[in-house]
């Protein structure tokens, strides 16, 4: 699946990911390939994604995520 993490002034990450862990307002959740469509708000925390078996992290202060058709689009602030 494709993960896109953007802020108001830059693209923090754009590329393939095997899984994405997100700090949702109602609790942390994981998105895998072929996940159902969803939109959620995010709280301060870390986006943890796996790419070719390697875990990587991006710290955020909050934002929103849209998951649709194997594309995870995250707008952070």
N, C-alpha and C. Protein backbone atom coordinates (compact mmCIF):
# COMPACT_ATOMS: atom_id res chain seq x y z
N UNK A 1 0.84 -1.17 0.00
CA UNK A 1 0.00 0.00 0.00
C UNK A 1 0.89 1.23 0.00
N UNK A 2 0.31 2.37 -0.33
CA UNK A 2 1.05 3.62 -0.39
C UNK A 2 0.73 4.45 0.86
N UNK A 3 1.77 4.96 1.49
CA UNK A 3 1.62 5.86 2.63
C UNK A 3 2.09 7.24 2.22
N UNK A 4 1.26 8.25 2.48
CA UNK A 4 1.62 9.64 2.23
C UNK A 4 1.42 10.40 3.53
N UNK A 5 2.48 11.04 4.02
CA UNK A 5 2.40 11.85 5.23
C UNK A 5 2.83 13.26 4.85
N UNK A 6 1.89 14.20 4.97
CA UNK A 6 2.18 15.57 4.55
C UNK A 6 1.83 16.56 5.66
N UNK A 7 2.57 17.66 5.68
CA UNK A 7 2.26 18.78 6.58
C UNK A 7 1.94 19.97 5.69
N UNK A 8 1.67 21.11 6.29
CA UNK A 8 1.32 22.30 5.53
C UNK A 8 2.45 22.75 4.60
N UNK A 9 3.69 22.45 4.98
CA UNK A 9 4.80 22.97 4.19
C UNK A 9 5.73 21.92 3.57
N UNK A 10 5.46 20.62 3.79
CA UNK A 10 6.35 19.63 3.19
C UNK A 10 5.73 18.24 3.15
N UNK A 11 6.33 17.38 2.34
CA UNK A 11 5.98 15.96 2.31
C UNK A 11 6.97 15.27 3.24
N UNK A 12 6.47 14.69 4.33
CA UNK A 12 7.33 14.03 5.30
C UNK A 12 7.72 12.62 4.85
N UNK A 13 6.79 11.95 4.15
CA UNK A 13 7.08 10.63 3.60
C UNK A 13 6.06 10.31 2.53
N UNK A 14 6.52 9.67 1.47
CA UNK A 14 5.63 9.14 0.45
C UNK A 14 6.29 7.91 -0.14
N UNK A 15 5.63 6.76 0.01
CA UNK A 15 6.21 5.53 -0.51
C UNK A 15 5.41 4.32 -0.07
N UNK A 16 5.93 3.14 -0.41
CA UNK A 16 5.28 1.89 -0.06
C UNK A 16 5.48 1.56 1.41
N UNK A 17 4.45 0.98 2.02
CA UNK A 17 4.53 0.52 3.41
C UNK A 17 3.76 -0.79 3.53
N UNK A 18 4.27 -1.68 4.37
CA UNK A 18 3.60 -2.96 4.61
C UNK A 18 2.52 -2.83 5.67
N UNK A 19 2.75 -1.97 6.67
CA UNK A 19 1.77 -1.69 7.72
C UNK A 19 2.01 -0.29 8.25
N UNK A 20 0.94 0.30 8.83
CA UNK A 20 1.03 1.64 9.39
C UNK A 20 0.28 1.65 10.72
N UNK A 21 0.97 2.05 11.79
CA UNK A 21 0.34 2.21 13.11
C UNK A 21 0.13 3.70 13.33
N UNK A 22 -1.10 4.07 13.74
CA UNK A 22 -1.47 5.48 13.88
C UNK A 22 -2.06 5.76 15.25
N UNK A 23 -1.78 6.95 15.82
CA UNK A 23 -2.33 7.32 17.14
C UNK A 23 -3.71 7.97 16.99
N UNK A 24 -4.74 7.17 16.86
CA UNK A 24 -6.11 7.68 16.69
C UNK A 24 -6.65 8.33 17.95
N UNK A 25 -7.61 9.22 17.77
CA UNK A 25 -8.24 9.92 18.90
C UNK A 25 -8.88 8.93 19.87
N UNK A 26 -9.44 7.85 19.35
CA UNK A 26 -10.09 6.84 20.19
C UNK A 26 -9.15 5.68 20.54
N UNK A 27 -7.89 5.82 20.20
CA UNK A 27 -6.90 4.78 20.49
C UNK A 27 -6.08 4.45 19.27
N UNK A 28 -4.92 3.87 19.48
CA UNK A 28 -4.02 3.52 18.39
C UNK A 28 -4.63 2.41 17.54
N UNK A 29 -4.34 2.44 16.23
CA UNK A 29 -4.82 1.39 15.35
C UNK A 29 -3.81 1.15 14.23
N UNK A 30 -3.92 -0.03 13.62
CA UNK A 30 -3.00 -0.44 12.56
C UNK A 30 -3.75 -0.61 11.26
N UNK A 31 -3.14 -0.15 10.18
CA UNK A 31 -3.70 -0.31 8.84
C UNK A 31 -2.80 -1.27 8.06
N UNK A 32 -3.42 -2.28 7.46
CA UNK A 32 -2.72 -3.25 6.62
C UNK A 32 -3.28 -3.17 5.20
N UNK A 33 -2.64 -3.84 4.26
CA UNK A 33 -3.10 -3.87 2.88
C UNK A 33 -4.56 -4.33 2.82
N UNK A 34 -5.33 -3.72 1.95
CA UNK A 34 -6.76 -4.02 1.74
C UNK A 34 -7.64 -3.68 2.94
N UNK A 35 -7.20 -2.73 3.75
CA UNK A 35 -7.99 -2.27 4.90
C UNK A 35 -9.26 -1.59 4.40
N UNK A 36 -10.31 -1.68 5.18
CA UNK A 36 -11.56 -0.99 4.85
C UNK A 36 -11.32 0.53 4.84
N UNK A 37 -12.09 1.23 4.03
CA UNK A 37 -11.98 2.69 3.96
C UNK A 37 -12.35 3.29 5.31
N UNK A 38 -11.64 4.35 5.68
CA UNK A 38 -11.97 5.06 6.92
C UNK A 38 -11.35 6.45 6.91
N UNK A 39 -11.91 7.30 7.75
CA UNK A 39 -11.35 8.63 8.04
C UNK A 39 -11.31 8.75 9.55
N UNK A 40 -10.20 9.24 10.09
CA UNK A 40 -10.06 9.38 11.54
C UNK A 40 -9.21 10.58 11.88
N UNK A 41 -9.46 11.14 13.06
CA UNK A 41 -8.58 12.18 13.58
C UNK A 41 -7.45 11.52 14.36
N UNK A 42 -6.33 12.21 14.45
CA UNK A 42 -5.15 11.70 15.13
C UNK A 42 -4.73 12.64 16.25
N UNK A 43 -4.14 12.07 17.29
CA UNK A 43 -3.61 12.86 18.40
C UNK A 43 -2.09 12.84 18.34
N UNK A 44 -1.46 13.60 19.23
CA UNK A 44 0.01 13.61 19.29
C UNK A 44 0.53 12.21 19.56
N UNK A 45 1.58 11.85 18.87
CA UNK A 45 2.18 10.53 19.04
C UNK A 45 3.10 10.23 17.88
N UNK A 46 3.20 8.95 17.55
CA UNK A 46 4.10 8.53 16.47
C UNK A 46 3.35 7.70 15.44
N UNK A 47 3.65 7.98 14.18
CA UNK A 47 3.24 7.10 13.10
C UNK A 47 4.39 6.11 12.94
N UNK A 48 4.09 4.83 13.07
CA UNK A 48 5.10 3.79 12.92
C UNK A 48 4.72 2.97 11.70
N UNK A 49 5.60 2.95 10.72
CA UNK A 49 5.31 2.18 9.51
C UNK A 49 6.43 1.19 9.24
N UNK A 50 6.07 0.08 8.60
CA UNK A 50 7.02 -0.97 8.26
C UNK A 50 7.22 -0.95 6.75
N UNK A 51 8.48 -0.92 6.36
CA UNK A 51 8.84 -0.89 4.96
C UNK A 51 9.93 -1.94 4.74
N UNK A 52 9.61 -2.99 4.00
CA UNK A 52 10.55 -4.10 3.75
C UNK A 52 11.12 -4.67 5.04
N UNK A 53 10.26 -4.82 6.06
CA UNK A 53 10.68 -5.40 7.33
C UNK A 53 11.32 -4.44 8.30
N UNK A 54 11.57 -3.19 7.89
CA UNK A 54 12.19 -2.20 8.77
C UNK A 54 11.15 -1.22 9.30
N UNK A 55 11.13 -1.04 10.62
CA UNK A 55 10.20 -0.09 11.23
C UNK A 55 10.80 1.30 11.23
N UNK A 56 9.97 2.29 10.89
CA UNK A 56 10.38 3.68 10.90
C UNK A 56 9.30 4.49 11.59
N UNK A 57 9.68 5.64 12.17
CA UNK A 57 8.74 6.45 12.94
C UNK A 57 8.75 7.90 12.50
N UNK A 58 7.57 8.52 12.59
CA UNK A 58 7.43 9.95 12.37
C UNK A 58 6.62 10.50 13.54
N UNK A 59 7.17 11.43 14.30
CA UNK A 59 6.45 12.05 15.41
C UNK A 59 5.50 13.13 14.88
N UNK A 60 4.27 13.14 15.43
CA UNK A 60 3.29 14.14 15.00
C UNK A 60 2.62 14.78 16.21
N UNK A 61 2.04 15.95 16.00
CA UNK A 61 1.29 16.65 17.04
C UNK A 61 -0.21 16.43 16.90
N UNK A 62 -0.63 15.75 15.84
CA UNK A 62 -2.04 15.49 15.57
C UNK A 62 -2.29 15.60 14.09
N UNK A 63 -3.52 15.30 13.67
CA UNK A 63 -3.85 15.40 12.26
C UNK A 63 -5.07 14.58 11.91
N UNK A 64 -5.19 14.24 10.63
CA UNK A 64 -6.28 13.41 10.13
C UNK A 64 -5.70 12.38 9.17
N UNK A 65 -6.39 11.23 9.05
CA UNK A 65 -5.97 10.19 8.12
C UNK A 65 -7.16 9.74 7.30
N UNK A 66 -6.90 9.45 6.03
CA UNK A 66 -7.90 8.91 5.12
C UNK A 66 -7.31 7.63 4.54
N UNK A 67 -8.03 6.52 4.68
CA UNK A 67 -7.59 5.24 4.13
C UNK A 67 -8.59 4.86 3.05
N UNK A 68 -8.11 4.64 1.81
CA UNK A 68 -9.00 4.26 0.73
C UNK A 68 -8.19 3.61 -0.39
N UNK A 69 -8.63 2.45 -0.84
CA UNK A 69 -8.02 1.75 -1.98
C UNK A 69 -6.50 1.58 -1.85
N UNK A 70 -6.07 1.11 -0.67
CA UNK A 70 -4.64 0.87 -0.40
C UNK A 70 -3.79 2.12 -0.46
N UNK A 71 -4.38 3.29 -0.20
CA UNK A 71 -3.64 4.54 -0.05
C UNK A 71 -3.98 5.11 1.33
N UNK A 72 -2.96 5.32 2.15
CA UNK A 72 -3.11 5.91 3.48
C UNK A 72 -2.58 7.33 3.40
N UNK A 73 -3.48 8.30 3.44
CA UNK A 73 -3.10 9.72 3.34
C UNK A 73 -3.23 10.37 4.70
N UNK A 74 -2.12 10.87 5.22
CA UNK A 74 -2.09 11.48 6.54
C UNK A 74 -1.71 12.95 6.41
N UNK A 75 -2.56 13.82 6.93
CA UNK A 75 -2.26 15.26 6.99
C UNK A 75 -1.98 15.58 8.46
N UNK A 76 -0.79 16.11 8.73
CA UNK A 76 -0.38 16.36 10.12
C UNK A 76 -0.16 17.83 10.36
N UNK A 77 -0.22 18.19 11.65
CA UNK A 77 0.12 19.55 12.05
C UNK A 77 1.01 19.52 13.25
